[in-house]
C-alpha atoms as a PDB file:
ATOM      1  CA  UNK A   1      31.604 -51.991  -7.290  1.00  0.00           C
ATOM      2  CA  UNK A   2      31.226 -51.307  -4.008  1.00  0.00           C
ATOM      3  CA  UNK A   3      34.526 -49.508  -3.326  1.00  0.00           C
ATOM      4  CA  UNK A   4      33.798 -47.057  -6.249  1.00  0.00           C
ATOM      5  CA  UNK A   5      30.598 -46.048  -4.940  1.00  0.00           C
ATOM      6  CA  UNK A   6      32.133 -45.419  -1.600  1.00  0.00           C
ATOM      7  CA  UNK A   7      34.847 -43.563  -3.401  1.00  0.00           C
ATOM      8  CA  UNK A   8      31.792 -41.554  -5.217  1.00  0.00           C
ATOM      9  CA  UNK A   9      30.097 -40.827  -2.238  1.00  0.00           C
ATOM     10  CA  UNK A  10      33.205 -39.851  -0.570  1.00  0.00           C
ATOM     11  CA  UNK A  11      34.539 -37.792  -3.384  1.00  0.00           C
ATOM     12  CA  UNK A  12      30.857 -35.944  -3.606  1.00  0.00           C
ATOM     13  CA  UNK A  13      31.314 -34.369   0.856  1.00  0.00           C
ATOM     14  CA  UNK A  14      34.152 -32.940  -0.022  1.00  0.00           C
ATOM     15  CA  UNK A  15      33.106 -31.437  -2.358  1.00  0.00           C
ATOM     16  CA  UNK A  16      29.849 -30.066  -1.130  1.00  0.00           C
ATOM     17  CA  UNK A  17      32.549 -29.473   2.205  1.00  0.00           C
ATOM     18  CA  UNK A  18      35.111 -27.086  -0.333  1.00  0.00           C
ATOM     19  CA  UNK A  19      31.842 -25.875  -1.833  1.00  0.00           C
ATOM     20  CA  UNK A  20      30.559 -24.543   1.523  1.00  0.00           C
ATOM     21  CA  UNK A  21      33.915 -23.808   3.029  1.00  0.00           C
ATOM     22  CA  UNK A  22      34.152 -21.151  -0.248  1.00  0.00           C
ATOM     23  CA  UNK A  23      30.806 -19.848   0.704  1.00  0.00           C
ATOM     24  CA  UNK A  24      31.643 -19.069   3.935  1.00  0.00           C
ATOM     25  CA  UNK A  25      35.058 -17.498   2.945  1.00  0.00           C
ATOM     26  CA  UNK A  26      33.509 -15.260   0.755  1.00  0.00           C
ATOM     27  CA  UNK A  27      30.997 -13.675   3.570  1.00  0.00           C
ATOM     28  CA  UNK A  28      33.699 -13.632   6.154  1.00  0.00           C
ATOM     29  CA  UNK A  29      36.346 -11.867   3.222  1.00  0.00           C
ATOM     30  CA  UNK A  30      33.210  -9.435   2.352  1.00  0.00           C
ATOM     31  CA  UNK A  31      32.633  -8.794   6.486  1.00  0.00           C
ATOM     32  CA  UNK A  32      36.206  -8.181   6.709  1.00  0.00           C
ATOM     33  CA  UNK A  33      36.420  -5.682   3.838  1.00  0.00           C
ATOM     34  CA  UNK A  34      38.413  -8.120   1.491  1.00  0.00           C
ATOM     35  CA  UNK A  35      36.306  -7.137  -1.365  1.00  0.00           C
ATOM     36  CA  UNK A  36      38.057  -7.693  -4.431  1.00  0.00           C
ATOM     37  CA  UNK A  37      38.966 -11.746  -3.447  1.00  0.00           C
ATOM     38  CA  UNK A  38      35.221 -12.465  -2.175  1.00  0.00           C
ATOM     39  CA  UNK A  39      34.395 -11.227  -5.529  1.00  0.00           C
ATOM     40  CA  UNK A  40      36.641 -14.045  -6.855  1.00  0.00           C
ATOM     41  CA  UNK A  41      35.667 -16.384  -4.354  1.00  0.00           C
ATOM     42  CA  UNK A  42      31.902 -15.750  -5.651  1.00  0.00           C
ATOM     43  CA  UNK A  43      32.208 -15.884  -9.202  1.00  0.00           C
ATOM     44  CA  UNK A  44      33.844 -19.298  -9.089  1.00  0.00           C
ATOM     45  CA  UNK A  45      30.754 -20.537  -6.875  1.00  0.00           C
ATOM     46  CA  UNK A  46      28.619 -19.049  -9.267  1.00  0.00           C
ATOM     47  CA  UNK A  47      30.073 -22.045 -11.676  1.00  0.00           C
ATOM     48  CA  UNK A  48      30.299 -24.493  -8.675  1.00  0.00           C
ATOM     49  CA  UNK A  49      26.606 -23.648  -8.295  1.00  0.00           C
ATOM     50  CA  UNK A  50      25.040 -23.693 -11.549  1.00  0.00           C
ATOM     51  CA  UNK A  51      22.548 -26.456 -10.854  1.00  0.00           C
ATOM     52  CA  UNK A  52      21.276 -24.596  -7.332  1.00  0.00           C
ATOM     53  CA  UNK A  53      19.458 -21.705  -7.604  1.00  0.00           C
ATOM     54  CA  UNK A  54      19.067 -21.255  -4.126  1.00  0.00           C
ATOM     55  CA  UNK A  55      23.029 -21.403  -3.377  1.00  0.00           C
ATOM     56  CA  UNK A  56      23.514 -18.979  -6.856  1.00  0.00           C
ATOM     57  CA  UNK A  57      21.600 -16.074  -5.253  1.00  0.00           C
ATOM     58  CA  UNK A  58      23.446 -16.302  -2.320  1.00  0.00           C
ATOM     59  CA  UNK A  59      26.604 -16.088  -4.077  1.00  0.00           C
ATOM     60  CA  UNK A  60      25.349 -13.816  -6.185  1.00  0.00           C
ATOM     61  CA  UNK A  61      24.236 -11.510  -3.054  1.00  0.00           C
ATOM     62  CA  UNK A  62      27.420 -11.701  -1.808  1.00  0.00           C
ATOM     63  CA  UNK A  63      29.021 -10.975  -5.398  1.00  0.00           C
ATOM     64  CA  UNK A  64      27.060  -7.780  -5.950  1.00  0.00           C
ATOM     65  CA  UNK A  65      27.504  -6.569  -1.831  1.00  0.00           C
ATOM     66  CA  UNK A  66      31.379  -6.567  -2.960  1.00  0.00           C
ATOM     67  CA  UNK A  67      30.989  -5.130  -5.741  1.00  0.00           C
ATOM     68  CA  UNK A  68      29.486  -1.981  -4.342  1.00  0.00           C
ATOM     69  CA  UNK A  69      31.887  -1.448  -1.704  1.00  0.00           C
ATOM     70  CA  UNK A  70      34.391  -1.873  -4.007  1.00  0.00           C
ATOM     71  CA  UNK A  71      32.881   0.843  -6.334  1.00  0.00           C
ATOM     72  CA  UNK A  72      32.277  -1.179  -9.113  1.00  0.00           C
ATOM     73  CA  UNK A  73      28.772   0.103  -9.314  1.00  0.00           C
ATOM     74  CA  UNK A  74      28.145  -0.457 -13.085  1.00  0.00           C
ATOM     75  CA  UNK A  75      29.238  -3.968 -12.782  1.00  0.00           C
ATOM     76  CA  UNK A  76      26.693  -4.458  -9.575  1.00  0.00           C
ATOM     77  CA  UNK A  77      24.065  -2.755 -11.308  1.00  0.00           C
ATOM     78  CA  UNK A  78      24.679  -5.481 -14.072  1.00  0.00           C
ATOM     79  CA  UNK A  79      25.167  -8.608 -12.376  1.00  0.00           C
ATOM     80  CA  UNK A  80      22.205  -7.716  -9.859  1.00  0.00           C
ATOM     81  CA  UNK A  81      19.872  -7.422 -12.933  1.00  0.00           C
ATOM     82  CA  UNK A  82      21.301 -10.930 -14.123  1.00  0.00           C
ATOM     83  CA  UNK A  83      20.726 -12.639 -10.580  1.00  0.00           C
ATOM     84  CA  UNK A  84      16.845 -10.636 -11.060  1.00  0.00           C
ATOM     85  CA  UNK A  85      16.112 -12.667 -13.786  1.00  0.00           C
ATOM     86  CA  UNK A  86      16.592 -16.042 -11.679  1.00  0.00           C
ATOM     87  CA  UNK A  87      14.775 -14.267  -8.391  1.00  0.00           C
ATOM     88  CA  UNK A  88      13.309 -11.130  -9.127  1.00  0.00           C
ATOM     89  CA  UNK A  89      11.974 -11.159  -5.491  1.00  0.00           C
ATOM     90  CA  UNK A  90      15.020 -11.691  -3.398  1.00  0.00           C
ATOM     91  CA  UNK A  91      14.769  -8.434  -0.984  1.00  0.00           C
ATOM     92  CA  UNK A  92      18.660  -8.732  -0.564  1.00  0.00           C
ATOM     93  CA  UNK A  93      18.994  -7.899  -4.396  1.00  0.00           C
ATOM     94  CA  UNK A  94      16.653  -5.446  -4.291  1.00  0.00           C
ATOM     95  CA  UNK A  95      18.274  -3.410  -2.099  1.00  0.00           C
ATOM     96  CA  UNK A  96      22.096  -4.197  -3.173  1.00  0.00           C
ATOM     97  CA  UNK A  97      20.327  -3.420  -6.848  1.00  0.00           C
ATOM     98  CA  UNK A  98      19.291  -0.042  -5.336  1.00  0.00           C
ATOM     99  CA  UNK A  99      22.757   0.917  -4.044  1.00  0.00           C
ATOM    100  CA  UNK A 100      24.166   0.182  -7.093  1.00  0.00           C
ATOM    101  CA  UNK A 101      21.923   2.618  -9.229  1.00  0.00           C
ATOM    102  CA  UNK A 102      22.149   5.263  -6.665  1.00  0.00           C
ATOM    103  CA  UNK A 103      25.884   5.279  -6.798  1.00  0.00           C
ATOM    104  CA  UNK A 104      25.226   5.596 -10.317  1.00  0.00           C
ATOM    105  CA  UNK A 105      22.933   8.689 -10.042  1.00  0.00           C
ATOM    106  CA  UNK A 106      19.961   7.038 -11.589  1.00  0.00           C
ATOM    107  CA  UNK A 107      17.957   8.812  -8.444  1.00  0.00           C
ATOM    108  CA  UNK A 108      14.347   7.386  -9.336  1.00  0.00           C
ATOM    109  CA  UNK A 109      15.160   3.898  -9.940  1.00  0.00           C
ATOM    110  CA  UNK A 110      16.625   3.782  -6.960  1.00  0.00           C
ATOM    111  CA  UNK A 111      14.264   5.459  -4.660  1.00  0.00           C
ATOM    112  CA  UNK A 112      11.680   2.409  -6.028  1.00  0.00           C
ATOM    113  CA  UNK A 113      14.115  -0.342  -5.342  1.00  0.00           C
ATOM    114  CA  UNK A 114      14.297   1.026  -2.154  1.00  0.00           C
ATOM    115  CA  UNK A 115      11.023   1.682  -1.355  1.00  0.00           C
ATOM    116  CA  UNK A 116      10.339  -2.071  -2.747  1.00  0.00           C
ATOM    117  CA  UNK A 117      12.562  -3.898  -0.507  1.00  0.00           C
ATOM    118  CA  UNK A 118      11.424  -1.515   2.871  1.00  0.00           C
ATOM    119  CA  UNK A 119       7.439  -3.000   1.985  1.00  0.00           C
ATOM    120  CA  UNK A 120       8.824  -6.529   1.224  1.00  0.00           C
ATOM    121  CA  UNK A 121      12.061  -7.361   3.815  1.00  0.00           C
ATOM    122  CA  UNK A 122      10.958  -7.926   7.686  1.00  0.00           C
ATOM    123  CA  UNK A 123      11.257  -4.687  10.339  1.00  0.00           C
ATOM    124  CA  UNK A 124      14.657  -6.940  11.977  1.00  0.00           C
ATOM    125  CA  UNK A 125      15.936  -7.304   8.134  1.00  0.00           C
ATOM    126  CA  UNK A 126      19.750  -5.995   8.782  1.00  0.00           C
ATOM    127  CA  UNK A 127      19.545  -3.219   5.353  1.00  0.00           C
ATOM    128  CA  UNK A 128      16.173  -1.722   6.728  1.00  0.00           C
ATOM    129  CA  UNK A 129      18.663   1.182   7.988  1.00  0.00           C
ATOM    130  CA  UNK A 130      20.260   1.715   4.740  1.00  0.00           C
ATOM    131  CA  UNK A 131      17.618   1.509   2.900  1.00  0.00           C
ATOM    132  CA  UNK A 132      15.903   4.571   4.576  1.00  0.00           C
ATOM    133  CA  UNK A 133      19.706   6.387   4.966  1.00  0.00           C
ATOM    134  CA  UNK A 134      19.881   6.019   0.944  1.00  0.00           C
ATOM    135  CA  UNK A 135      15.958   7.159   0.225  1.00  0.00           C
ATOM    136  CA  UNK A 136      17.202  10.264   2.738  1.00  0.00           C
ATOM    137  CA  UNK A 137      19.590  11.296   0.667  1.00  0.00           C
ATOM    138  CA  UNK A 138      18.107  10.856  -2.835  1.00  0.00           C
ATOM    139  CA  UNK A 139      15.453  13.228  -1.468  1.00  0.00           C
ATOM    140  CA  UNK A 140      18.187  15.868  -0.791  1.00  0.00           C
ATOM    141  CA  UNK A 141      19.853  15.926  -3.603  1.00  0.00           C
ATOM    142  CA  UNK A 142      15.957  16.265  -5.479  1.00  0.00           C
ATOM    143  CA  UNK A 143      15.467  19.039  -2.696  1.00  0.00           C
ATOM    144  CA  UNK A 144      12.471  17.239  -1.183  1.00  0.00           C
ATOM    145  CA  UNK A 145      13.923  17.937   2.544  1.00  0.00           C
ATOM    146  CA  UNK A 146      10.829  17.294   4.203  1.00  0.00           C
ATOM    147  CA  UNK A 147      10.785  13.674   2.785  1.00  0.00           C
ATOM    148  CA  UNK A 148      14.368  13.275   3.445  1.00  0.00           C
ATOM    149  CA  UNK A 149      13.957  14.147   6.812  1.00  0.00           C
ATOM    150  CA  UNK A 150      11.214  11.577   7.069  1.00  0.00           C
ATOM    151  CA  UNK A 151      13.651   8.918   5.485  1.00  0.00           C
ATOM    152  CA  UNK A 152      16.530   9.769   7.921  1.00  0.00           C
ATOM    153  CA  UNK A 153      14.518   9.861  10.774  1.00  0.00           C
ATOM    154  CA  UNK A 154      13.599   6.436  10.006  1.00  0.00           C
ATOM    155  CA  UNK A 155      17.383   5.594   9.607  1.00  0.00           C
ATOM    156  CA  UNK A 156      18.060   6.482  12.603  1.00  0.00           C
ATOM    157  CA  UNK A 157      15.204   4.889  14.726  1.00  0.00           C
ATOM    158  CA  UNK A 158      16.568   1.765  13.201  1.00  0.00           C
ATOM    159  CA  UNK A 159      19.914   2.181  13.950  1.00  0.00           C
ATOM    160  CA  UNK A 160      20.396   5.020  16.119  1.00  0.00           C
ATOM    161  CA  UNK A 161      24.313   4.990  16.970  1.00  0.00           C
ATOM    162  CA  UNK A 162      25.562   5.563  13.134  1.00  0.00           C
ATOM    163  CA  UNK A 163      26.541   9.472  13.779  1.00  0.00           C
ATOM    164  CA  UNK A 164      26.622   9.840  10.104  1.00  0.00           C
ATOM    165  CA  UNK A 165      22.964   9.530   9.989  1.00  0.00           C
ATOM    166  CA  UNK A 166      22.209  11.664  12.108  1.00  0.00           C
ATOM    167  CA  UNK A 167      24.288  14.767  10.561  1.00  0.00           C
ATOM    168  CA  UNK A 168      22.673  14.184   7.569  1.00  0.00           C
ATOM    169  CA  UNK A 169      18.984  13.676   9.283  1.00  0.00           C
ATOM    170  CA  UNK A 170      19.961  17.457  10.958  1.00  0.00           C
ATOM    171  CA  UNK A 171      20.857  19.031   7.423  1.00  0.00           C
ATOM    172  CA  UNK A 172      17.769  17.668   5.982  1.00  0.00           C
ATOM    173  CA  UNK A 173      15.910  19.302   9.004  1.00  0.00           C
ATOM    174  CA  UNK A 174      18.029  21.877   8.428  1.00  0.00           C
ATOM    175  CA  UNK A 175      17.512  22.925   4.848  1.00  0.00           C
ATOM    176  CA  UNK A 176      13.928  22.265   5.148  1.00  0.00           C
ATOM    177  CA  UNK A 177      13.706  25.068   8.142  1.00  0.00           C
ATOM    178  CA  UNK A 178      13.058  23.083  11.348  1.00  0.00           C
ATOM    179  CA  UNK A 179      15.965  24.563  13.057  1.00  0.00           C
ATOM    180  CA  UNK A 180      15.221  23.614  16.578  1.00  0.00           C
ATOM    181  CA  UNK A 181      15.068  19.230  15.659  1.00  0.00           C
ATOM    182  CA  UNK A 182      17.975  19.803  13.399  1.00  0.00           C
ATOM    183  CA  UNK A 183      20.077  21.380  16.293  1.00  0.00           C
ATOM    184  CA  UNK A 184      18.509  17.944  18.527  1.00  0.00           C
ATOM    185  CA  UNK A 185      19.691  15.758  15.536  1.00  0.00           C
ATOM    186  CA  UNK A 186      23.204  17.290  15.519  1.00  0.00           C
ATOM    187  CA  UNK A 187      23.544  16.854  18.854  1.00  0.00           C
ATOM    188  CA  UNK A 188      22.823  13.638  18.872  1.00  0.00           C
ATOM    189  CA  UNK A 189      25.800  13.290  16.344  1.00  0.00           C
ATOM    190  CA  UNK A 190      27.779  15.052  18.649  1.00  0.00           C
ATOM    191  CA  UNK A 191      26.747  12.704  21.404  1.00  0.00           C
ATOM    192  CA  UNK A 192      27.637   9.572  19.432  1.00  0.00           C
ATOM    193  CA  UNK A 193      30.467  11.622  17.819  1.00  0.00           C
ATOM    194  CA  UNK A 194      32.464  14.829  19.268  1.00  0.00           C
ATOM    195  CA  UNK A 195      34.585  15.110  16.179  1.00  0.00           C
ATOM    196  CA  UNK A 196      31.513  14.935  13.895  1.00  0.00           C
ATOM    197  CA  UNK A 197      32.500  18.561  12.300  1.00  0.00           C
ATOM    198  CA  UNK A 198      29.657  18.599   9.654  1.00  0.00           C
ATOM    199  CA  UNK A 199      26.968  18.573  12.817  1.00  0.00           C
ATOM    200  CA  UNK A 200      29.223  20.811  14.889  1.00  0.00           C
ATOM    201  CA  UNK A 201      28.926  23.576  12.355  1.00  0.00           C
ATOM    202  CA  UNK A 202      25.376  22.477  11.355  1.00  0.00           C
ATOM    203  CA  UNK A 203      24.317  22.453  15.045  1.00  0.00           C
ATOM    204  CA  UNK A 204      26.088  26.486  15.077  1.00  0.00           C
ATOM    205  CA  UNK A 205      24.872  27.604  12.013  1.00  0.00           C
ATOM    206  CA  UNK A 206      21.094  26.398  13.078  1.00  0.00           C
ATOM    207  CA  UNK A 207      21.820  28.305  16.900  1.00  0.00           C
ATOM    208  CA  UNK A 208      22.353  31.376  14.599  1.00  0.00           C
ATOM    209  CA  UNK A 209      18.723  31.511  13.129  1.00  0.00           C
ATOM    210  CA  UNK A 210      17.422  30.819  16.334  1.00  0.00           C
ATOM    211  CA  UNK A 211      19.222  33.673  18.247  1.00  0.00           C
END
């Protein structure tokens, strides 16, 4: 009987270790850009962690991040909604659900989710800059260029080394008629990436407006 108990305990440890390894692998695969494989592993984890809500949510997060990066936006929207029935307040799920809806063109719903994420997440959260960036893009879609400027400015303040975000910030300022500040943003983009063609063309347009 004692041997059986020892064997059962060892088996439980091995299974726990295997599940942990699968979780680590899914995240590593996602970070390495192997989204399809990360999705497969996360689907397995959802079965493994069916009775463990906290681990289940972690797997849902990596699954939904991977689905969005794999351009499976409808499925990502569906799975985030599914996950939020378990925990509606997880800020990671709120943000990635916003991304899914953004790519599906559901601007109002996406904007609300990004606003909720920013309000609820710590200021040091990993995707704060992303949320501000997507908000800026939504405002551009809505031709609310001053709002877009504010959002993009917040995004580059959070992550100042993303040249494309500086380019989009410049564009929003240009469209709002703030040509000198647009030049400043375009110049910063070009400082980070001299081959950023959109920034170079935008800077030239704004300079011609000021001549």
